Amino acid sequence: MKTASIEGVLFDMDGTIVDAFPPIIRALNQTFIEFDLPTMSDVEVKRHTGKGDCSMISLFGDRKEEAGMRFLEIHDEDYLDHITPLDGAESLFNWLKASNIPTAIVTSKSQVRAEAQLDVLGWSTYFETVIGKIPGRAEKPDPAPVLLACERLNIPPCASIMIGDGIADMKAATRAGSRALGMCDGFTASELEAVGALSCFDSLIEVQAWLQKQIR
């Protein structure tokens, strides 16, 4: 069965179109060590960030500002050298562009870092807008970033699809009136569907096949 009209596609970034977790995991665990706290496994880091709690508050308490600065110092040392496109990403972007479907990035990564990642990958021209973290802008699971992306694409939220790998992505999309597709990595399909995912996939190749059935 086809879904309602799809006039725009929104993408989360890390874990959805790229694997950029190695520098995140390294920086976070090094920060834990320096603050005499237990480290996290790769999956634990992905699940923590995917819930939308990236503020360091729950991890470092009243030392969150100091820890956050140290985390970014370590992360920014070489993060642009450790970004791997996920299989099927460019094929999907090219197909959407050829189909005249506008696209946007909606990420909890800082605006500057998100744009830098896209530049390094040569993907900046694929997206009409990038909605990243800036001071004063609400973050997923708040619906505001999704609503802003739809506004910039000049489409109603109900005509958009949000693709992401985290609980926060699914919640932000459904709260905005968008529809969500889940990428299974840190979370299972059942976990993502429980918070609003319309369908879940193991790869962007599968996502493209699904979209091709919906968009003619």
C-alpha atoms as a PDB file:
ATOM      1  CA  MET A   1       0.000   0.000   0.000  1.00  0.00           C
ATOM      2  CA  LYS A   2       1.282   3.454  -0.902  1.00  0.00           C
ATOM      3  CA  THR A   3       1.575   6.137   1.747  1.00  0.00           C
ATOM      4  CA  ALA A   4       0.334   9.697   1.332  1.00  0.00           C
ATOM      5  CA  SER A   5       2.248  11.963  -1.054  1.00  0.00           C
ATOM      6  CA  ILE A   6       5.951  12.416  -0.300  1.00  0.00           C
ATOM      7  CA  GLU A   7       7.177  15.883  -1.267  1.00  0.00           C
ATOM      8  CA  GLY A   8      10.404  15.999   0.725  1.00  0.00           C
ATOM      9  CA  VAL A   9      12.829  13.717   2.558  1.00  0.00           C
ATOM     10  CA  LEU A  10      14.639  14.642   5.764  1.00  0.00           C
ATOM     11  CA  PHE A  11      17.752  12.794   6.923  1.00  0.00           C
ATOM     12  CA  ASP A  12      19.425  12.437  10.274  1.00  0.00           C
ATOM     13  CA  MET A  13      23.186  12.284   9.804  1.00  0.00           C
ATOM     14  CA  ASP A  14      25.313  10.086  12.093  1.00  0.00           C
ATOM     15  CA  GLY A  15      24.213   6.452  11.945  1.00  0.00           C
ATOM     16  CA  THR A  16      21.752   7.184   9.147  1.00  0.00           C
ATOM     17  CA  ILE A  17      23.756   8.330   6.101  1.00  0.00           C
ATOM     18  CA  VAL A  18      27.281   8.128   7.541  1.00  0.00           C
ATOM     19  CA  ASP A  19      29.168   6.195  10.182  1.00  0.00           C
ATOM     20  CA  ALA A  20      30.723   9.025  12.165  1.00  0.00           C
ATOM     21  CA  PHE A  21      30.571   7.266  15.519  1.00  0.00           C
ATOM     22  CA  PRO A  22      34.242   6.191  15.924  1.00  0.00           C
ATOM     23  CA  PRO A  23      35.470   9.709  16.851  1.00  0.00           C
ATOM     24  CA  ILE A  24      32.384  10.259  19.026  1.00  0.00           C
ATOM     25  CA  ILE A  25      32.956   7.008  20.901  1.00  0.00           C
ATOM     26  CA  ARG A  26      36.690   7.652  21.273  1.00  0.00           C
ATOM     27  CA  ALA A  27      36.199  11.215  22.514  1.00  0.00           C
ATOM     28  CA  LEU A  28      33.430  10.321  24.938  1.00  0.00           C
ATOM     29  CA  ASN A  29      35.301   7.397  26.458  1.00  0.00           C
ATOM     30  CA  GLN A  30      38.520   9.426  26.758  1.00  0.00           C
ATOM     31  CA  THR A  31      36.508  12.109  28.556  1.00  0.00           C
ATOM     32  CA  PHE A  32      35.058   9.479  30.887  1.00  0.00           C
ATOM     33  CA  ILE A  33      38.563   8.264  31.721  1.00  0.00           C
ATOM     34  CA  GLU A  34      39.791  11.784  32.436  1.00  0.00           C
ATOM     35  CA  PHE A  35      36.792  12.389  34.709  1.00  0.00           C
ATOM     36  CA  ASP A  36      37.247   9.040  36.504  1.00  0.00           C
ATOM     37  CA  LEU A  37      33.988   7.576  35.192  1.00  0.00           C
ATOM     38  CA  PRO A  38      33.281   4.167  33.607  1.00  0.00           C
ATOM     39  CA  THR A  39      33.452   3.994  29.835  1.00  0.00           C
ATOM     40  CA  MET A  40      30.619   2.967  27.477  1.00  0.00           C
ATOM     41  CA  SER A  41      30.480   0.286  24.793  1.00  0.00           C
ATOM     42  CA  ASP A  42      29.918   1.313  21.165  1.00  0.00           C
ATOM     43  CA  VAL A  43      26.258   0.286  21.346  1.00  0.00           C
ATOM     44  CA  GLU A  44      25.727   2.143  24.626  1.00  0.00           C
ATOM     45  CA  VAL A  45      27.067   5.357  23.073  1.00  0.00           C
ATOM     46  CA  LYS A  46      24.812   4.980  20.035  1.00  0.00           C
ATOM     47  CA  ARG A  47      21.772   4.349  22.195  1.00  0.00           C
ATOM     48  CA  HIS A  48      22.561   7.284  24.465  1.00  0.00           C
ATOM     49  CA  THR A  49      22.930   9.743  21.581  1.00  0.00           C
ATOM     50  CA  GLY A  50      19.946   8.246  19.763  1.00  0.00           C
ATOM     51  CA  LYS A  51      17.644   9.082  22.657  1.00  0.00           C
ATOM     52  CA  GLY A  52      18.346  12.766  22.158  1.00  0.00           C
ATOM     53  CA  ASP A  53      20.278  13.184  25.405  1.00  0.00           C
ATOM     54  CA  CYS A  54      23.517  14.564  23.994  1.00  0.00           C
ATOM     55  CA  SER A  55      23.865  17.444  26.434  1.00  0.00           C
ATOM     56  CA  MET A  56      26.227  15.682  28.859  1.00  0.00           C
ATOM     57  CA  ILE A  57      23.862  16.512  31.738  1.00  0.00           C
ATOM     58  CA  SER A  58      22.972  12.917  32.575  1.00  0.00           C
ATOM     59  CA  LEU A  59      26.580  11.773  32.110  1.00  0.00           C
ATOM     60  CA  PHE A  60      28.596  14.401  33.950  1.00  0.00           C
ATOM     61  CA  GLY A  61      26.100  16.245  36.150  1.00  0.00           C
ATOM     62  CA  ASP A  62      27.329  19.611  37.366  1.00  0.00           C
ATOM     63  CA  ARG A  63      30.600  19.109  35.475  1.00  0.00           C
ATOM     64  CA  LYS A  64      28.780  18.952  32.147  1.00  0.00           C
ATOM     65  CA  GLU A  65      30.203  22.210  30.767  1.00  0.00           C
ATOM     66  CA  GLU A  66      33.791  21.253  31.529  1.00  0.00           C
ATOM     67  CA  ALA A  67      33.247  17.720  30.204  1.00  0.00           C
ATOM     68  CA  GLY A  68      31.466  18.991  27.096  1.00  0.00           C
ATOM     69  CA  MET A  69      34.381  21.254  26.202  1.00  0.00           C
ATOM     70  CA  ARG A  70      36.877  18.444  26.730  1.00  0.00           C
ATOM     71  CA  PHE A  71      34.781  16.038  24.643  1.00  0.00           C
ATOM     72  CA  LEU A  72      34.737  18.487  21.721  1.00  0.00           C
ATOM     73  CA  GLU A  73      38.481  19.113  21.999  1.00  0.00           C
ATOM     74  CA  ILE A  74      39.181  15.403  21.605  1.00  0.00           C
ATOM     75  CA  HIS A  75      36.444  14.842  18.994  1.00  0.00           C
ATOM     76  CA  ASP A  76      37.586  17.688  16.752  1.00  0.00           C
ATOM     77  CA  GLU A  77      41.201  16.527  16.573  1.00  0.00           C
ATOM     78  CA  ASP A  78      40.548  14.276  13.592  1.00  0.00           C
ATOM     79  CA  TYR A  79      36.812  13.623  13.213  1.00  0.00           C
ATOM     80  CA  LEU A  80      36.718  14.675   9.557  1.00  0.00           C
ATOM     81  CA  ASP A  81      39.201  11.880   8.776  1.00  0.00           C
ATOM     82  CA  HIS A  82      36.866   9.226  10.183  1.00  0.00           C
ATOM     83  CA  ILE A  83      33.562   9.645   8.350  1.00  0.00           C
ATOM     84  CA  THR A  84      32.390   6.679   6.299  1.00  0.00           C
ATOM     85  CA  PRO A  85      29.397   6.970   3.939  1.00  0.00           C
ATOM     86  CA  LEU A  86      26.878   4.212   4.497  1.00  0.00           C
ATOM     87  CA  ASP A  87      26.096   1.862   1.621  1.00  0.00           C
ATOM     88  CA  GLY A  88      23.508   3.232  -0.765  1.00  0.00           C
ATOM     89  CA  ALA A  89      23.687   6.843   0.441  1.00  0.00           C
ATOM     90  CA  GLU A  90      24.861   8.497  -2.777  1.00  0.00           C
ATOM     91  CA  SER A  91      22.606   6.337  -4.911  1.00  0.00           C
ATOM     92  CA  LEU A  92      19.630   7.424  -2.831  1.00  0.00           C
ATOM     93  CA  PHE A  93      20.603  11.104  -2.964  1.00  0.00           C
ATOM     94  CA  ASN A  94      21.093  10.997  -6.724  1.00  0.00           C
ATOM     95  CA  TRP A  95      17.750   9.270  -7.249  1.00  0.00           C
ATOM     96  CA  LEU A  96      15.922  11.805  -5.081  1.00  0.00           C
ATOM     97  CA  LYS A  97      17.602  14.660  -6.956  1.00  0.00           C
ATOM     98  CA  ALA A  98      16.652  13.142 -10.317  1.00  0.00           C
ATOM     99  CA  SER A  99      13.095  12.708  -9.020  1.00  0.00           C
ATOM    100  CA  ASN A 100      12.944  16.401  -8.002  1.00  0.00           C
ATOM    101  CA  ILE A 101      12.334  15.507  -4.347  1.00  0.00           C
ATOM    102  CA  PRO A 102      13.916  18.163  -2.099  1.00  0.00           C
ATOM    103  CA  THR A 103      15.991  16.964   0.839  1.00  0.00           C
ATOM    104  CA  ALA A 104      17.280  18.303   4.152  1.00  0.00           C
ATOM    105  CA  ILE A 105      19.581  17.279   6.972  1.00  0.00           C
ATOM    106  CA  VAL A 106      18.083  17.373  10.480  1.00  0.00           C
ATOM    107  CA  THR A 107      20.803  16.514  12.989  1.00  0.00           C
ATOM    108  CA  SER A 108      21.756  17.045  16.625  1.00  0.00           C
ATOM    109  CA  LYS A 109      25.353  17.565  15.528  1.00  0.00           C
ATOM    110  CA  SER A 110      26.405  21.201  15.598  1.00  0.00           C
ATOM    111  CA  GLN A 111      25.590  23.218  12.486  1.00  0.00           C
ATOM    112  CA  VAL A 112      29.267  23.885  11.784  1.00  0.00           C
ATOM    113  CA  ARG A 113      30.316  20.244  12.160  1.00  0.00           C
ATOM    114  CA  ALA A 114      27.389  18.969  10.088  1.00  0.00           C
ATOM    115  CA  GLU A 115      28.214  21.334   7.234  1.00  0.00           C
ATOM    116  CA  ALA A 116      31.905  20.419   7.473  1.00  0.00           C
ATOM    117  CA  GLN A 117      31.072  16.710   7.185  1.00  0.00           C
ATOM    118  CA  LEU A 118      28.952  17.318   4.095  1.00  0.00           C
ATOM    119  CA  ASP A 119      31.720  19.404   2.504  1.00  0.00           C
ATOM    120  CA  VAL A 120      34.328  16.698   3.107  1.00  0.00           C
ATOM    121  CA  LEU A 121      32.040  14.080   1.567  1.00  0.00           C
ATOM    122  CA  GLY A 122      31.151  16.313  -1.381  1.00  0.00           C
ATOM    123  CA  TRP A 123      27.461  16.065  -0.491  1.00  0.00           C
ATOM    124  CA  SER A 124      26.567  19.700   0.156  1.00  0.00           C
ATOM    125  CA  THR A 125      24.767  20.095  -3.186  1.00  0.00           C
ATOM    126  CA  TYR A 126      22.386  17.231  -2.419  1.00  0.00           C
ATOM    127  CA  PHE A 127      20.584  19.124   0.352  1.00  0.00           C
ATOM    128  CA  GLU A 128      18.514  22.273   0.163  1.00  0.00           C
ATOM    129  CA  THR A 129      19.032  23.009   3.854  1.00  0.00           C
ATOM    130  CA  VAL A 130      20.903  21.748   6.918  1.00  0.00           C
ATOM    131  CA  ILE A 131      19.297  22.029  10.350  1.00  0.00           C
ATOM    132  CA  GLY A 132      21.999  21.454  12.965  1.00  0.00           C
ATOM    133  CA  LYS A 133      22.579  22.381  16.582  1.00  0.00           C
ATOM    134  CA  ILE A 134      22.985  26.083  17.291  1.00  0.00           C
ATOM    135  CA  PRO A 135      22.484  28.031  20.539  1.00  0.00           C
ATOM    136  CA  GLY A 136      18.800  28.562  21.238  1.00  0.00           C
ATOM    137  CA  ARG A 137      17.539  26.020  18.705  1.00  0.00           C
ATOM    138  CA  ALA A 138      15.570  23.112  20.158  1.00  0.00           C
ATOM    139  CA  GLU A 139      16.951  19.634  19.466  1.00  0.00           C
ATOM    140  CA  LYS A 140      15.293  16.337  18.634  1.00  0.00           C
ATOM    141  CA  PRO A 141      13.076  14.815  20.059  1.00  0.00           C
ATOM    142  CA  ASP A 142      11.533  18.290  20.031  1.00  0.00           C
ATOM    143  CA  PRO A 143       9.662  18.673  16.715  1.00  0.00           C
ATOM    144  CA  ALA A 144      11.052  22.167  16.054  1.00  0.00           C
ATOM    145  CA  PRO A 145      14.011  21.098  13.849  1.00  0.00           C
ATOM    146  CA  VAL A 146      11.726  18.956  11.662  1.00  0.00           C
ATOM    147  CA  LEU A 147       9.198  21.775  11.356  1.00  0.00           C
ATOM    148  CA  LEU A 148      11.957  24.221  10.419  1.00  0.00           C
ATOM    149  CA  ALA A 149      13.305  21.870   7.743  1.00  0.00           C
ATOM    150  CA  CYS A 150       9.832  21.499   6.229  1.00  0.00           C
ATOM    151  CA  GLU A 151       9.352  25.266   6.302  1.00  0.00           C
ATOM    152  CA  ARG A 152      12.619  25.774   4.437  1.00  0.00           C
ATOM    153  CA  LEU A 153      11.669  23.117   1.889  1.00  0.00           C
ATOM    154  CA  ASN A 154       8.280  24.814   1.550  1.00  0.00           C
ATOM    155  CA  ILE A 155       6.355  21.610   2.181  1.00  0.00           C
ATOM    156  CA  PRO A 156       3.802  20.656   4.854  1.00  0.00           C
ATOM    157  CA  PRO A 157       5.199  18.268   7.509  1.00  0.00           C
ATOM    158  CA  CYS A 158       2.588  15.656   6.559  1.00  0.00           C
ATOM    159  CA  ALA A 159       4.170  15.470   3.098  1.00  0.00           C
ATOM    160  CA  SER A 160       7.636  14.714   4.466  1.00  0.00           C
ATOM    161  CA  ILE A 161       9.500  11.572   5.447  1.00  0.00           C
ATOM    162  CA  MET A 162      12.146  11.653   8.200  1.00  0.00           C
ATOM    163  CA  ILE A 163      14.816   8.951   8.050  1.00  0.00           C
ATOM    164  CA  GLY A 164      16.824   8.330  11.211  1.00  0.00           C
ATOM    165  CA  ASP A 165      18.399   5.718  13.455  1.00  0.00           C
ATOM    166  CA  GLY A 166      17.376   6.998  16.878  1.00  0.00           C
ATOM    167  CA  ILE A 167      14.434   7.249  19.216  1.00  0.00           C
ATOM    168  CA  ALA A 168      14.764  11.045  19.075  1.00  0.00           C
ATOM    169  CA  ASP A 169      14.395  11.019  15.273  1.00  0.00           C
ATOM    170  CA  MET A 170      11.172   9.023  15.401  1.00  0.00           C
ATOM    171  CA  LYS A 171       9.674  11.154  18.163  1.00  0.00           C
ATOM    172  CA  ALA A 172      10.608  14.462  16.519  1.00  0.00           C
ATOM    173  CA  ALA A 173       9.083  13.362  13.213  1.00  0.00           C
ATOM    174  CA  THR A 174       5.804  12.097  14.621  1.00  0.00           C
ATOM    175  CA  ARG A 175       5.413  15.114  16.921  1.00  0.00           C
ATOM    176  CA  ALA A 176       5.901  17.397  13.909  1.00  0.00           C
ATOM    177  CA  GLY A 177       3.293  15.543  11.864  1.00  0.00           C
ATOM    178  CA  SER A 178       5.910  13.997   9.577  1.00  0.00           C
ATOM    179  CA  ARG A 179       6.361  10.284   8.976  1.00  0.00           C
ATOM    180  CA  ALA A 180       9.408   8.366  10.154  1.00  0.00           C
ATOM    181  CA  LEU A 181      11.488   5.571   8.688  1.00  0.00           C
ATOM    182  CA  GLY A 182      13.904   3.834  11.035  1.00  0.00           C
ATOM    183  CA  MET A 183      17.444   2.637  10.351  1.00  0.00           C
ATOM    184  CA  CYS A 184      18.249  -0.271  12.666  1.00  0.00           C
ATOM    185  CA  ASP A 185      21.641   0.060  14.342  1.00  0.00           C
ATOM    186  CA  GLY A 186      21.679   0.980  18.015  1.00  0.00           C
ATOM    187  CA  PHE A 187      17.925   0.338  18.292  1.00  0.00           C
ATOM    188  CA  THR A 188      15.795  -2.575  17.112  1.00  0.00           C
ATOM    189  CA  ALA A 189      12.910  -2.269  14.691  1.00  0.00           C
ATOM    190  CA  SER A 190      10.421  -2.913  17.483  1.00  0.00           C
ATOM    191  CA  GLU A 191      11.935  -0.112  19.594  1.00  0.00           C
ATOM    192  CA  LEU A 192      11.764   2.367  16.722  1.00  0.00           C
ATOM    193  CA  GLU A 193       8.258   1.311  15.684  1.00  0.00           C
ATOM    194  CA  ALA A 194       7.075   1.729  19.279  1.00  0.00           C
ATOM    195  CA  VAL A 195       7.872   5.452  19.046  1.00  0.00           C
ATOM    196  CA  GLY A 196       6.445   6.077  15.612  1.00  0.00           C
ATOM    197  CA  ALA A 197       8.509   4.472  12.848  1.00  0.00           C
ATOM    198  CA  LEU A 198       6.351   3.626   9.838  1.00  0.00           C
ATOM    199  CA  SER A 199       8.847   0.989   8.683  1.00  0.00           C
ATOM    200  CA  CYS A 200      12.410   0.003   9.590  1.00  0.00           C
ATOM    201  CA  PHE A 201      15.347  -0.998   7.420  1.00  0.00           C
ATOM    202  CA  ASP A 202      18.864  -2.374   7.673  1.00  0.00           C
ATOM    203  CA  SER A 203      20.319  -0.271   4.838  1.00  0.00           C
ATOM    204  CA  LEU A 204      19.738   2.779   2.678  1.00  0.00           C
ATOM    205  CA  ILE A 205      19.503   0.431  -0.278  1.00  0.00           C
ATOM    206  CA  GLU A 206      16.318  -0.940   1.287  1.00  0.00           C
ATOM    207  CA  VAL A 207      15.103   2.589   2.020  1.00  0.00           C
ATOM    208  CA  GLN A 208      15.520   3.570  -1.630  1.00  0.00           C
ATOM    209  CA  ALA A 209      13.599   0.492  -2.769  1.00  0.00           C
ATOM    210  CA  TRP A 210      10.752   1.394  -0.392  1.00  0.00           C
ATOM    211  CA  LEU A 211      10.675   5.018  -1.510  1.00  0.00           C
ATOM    212  CA  GLN A 212      10.670   4.042  -5.170  1.00  0.00           C
ATOM    213  CA  LYS A 213       7.402   2.219  -4.579  1.00  0.00           C
ATOM    214  CA  GLN A 214       5.900   5.339  -3.001  1.00  0.00           C
ATOM    215  CA  ILE A 215       7.237   8.014  -5.356  1.00  0.00           C
ATOM    216  CA  ARG A 216       6.405   7.728  -9.041  1.00  0.00           C
END
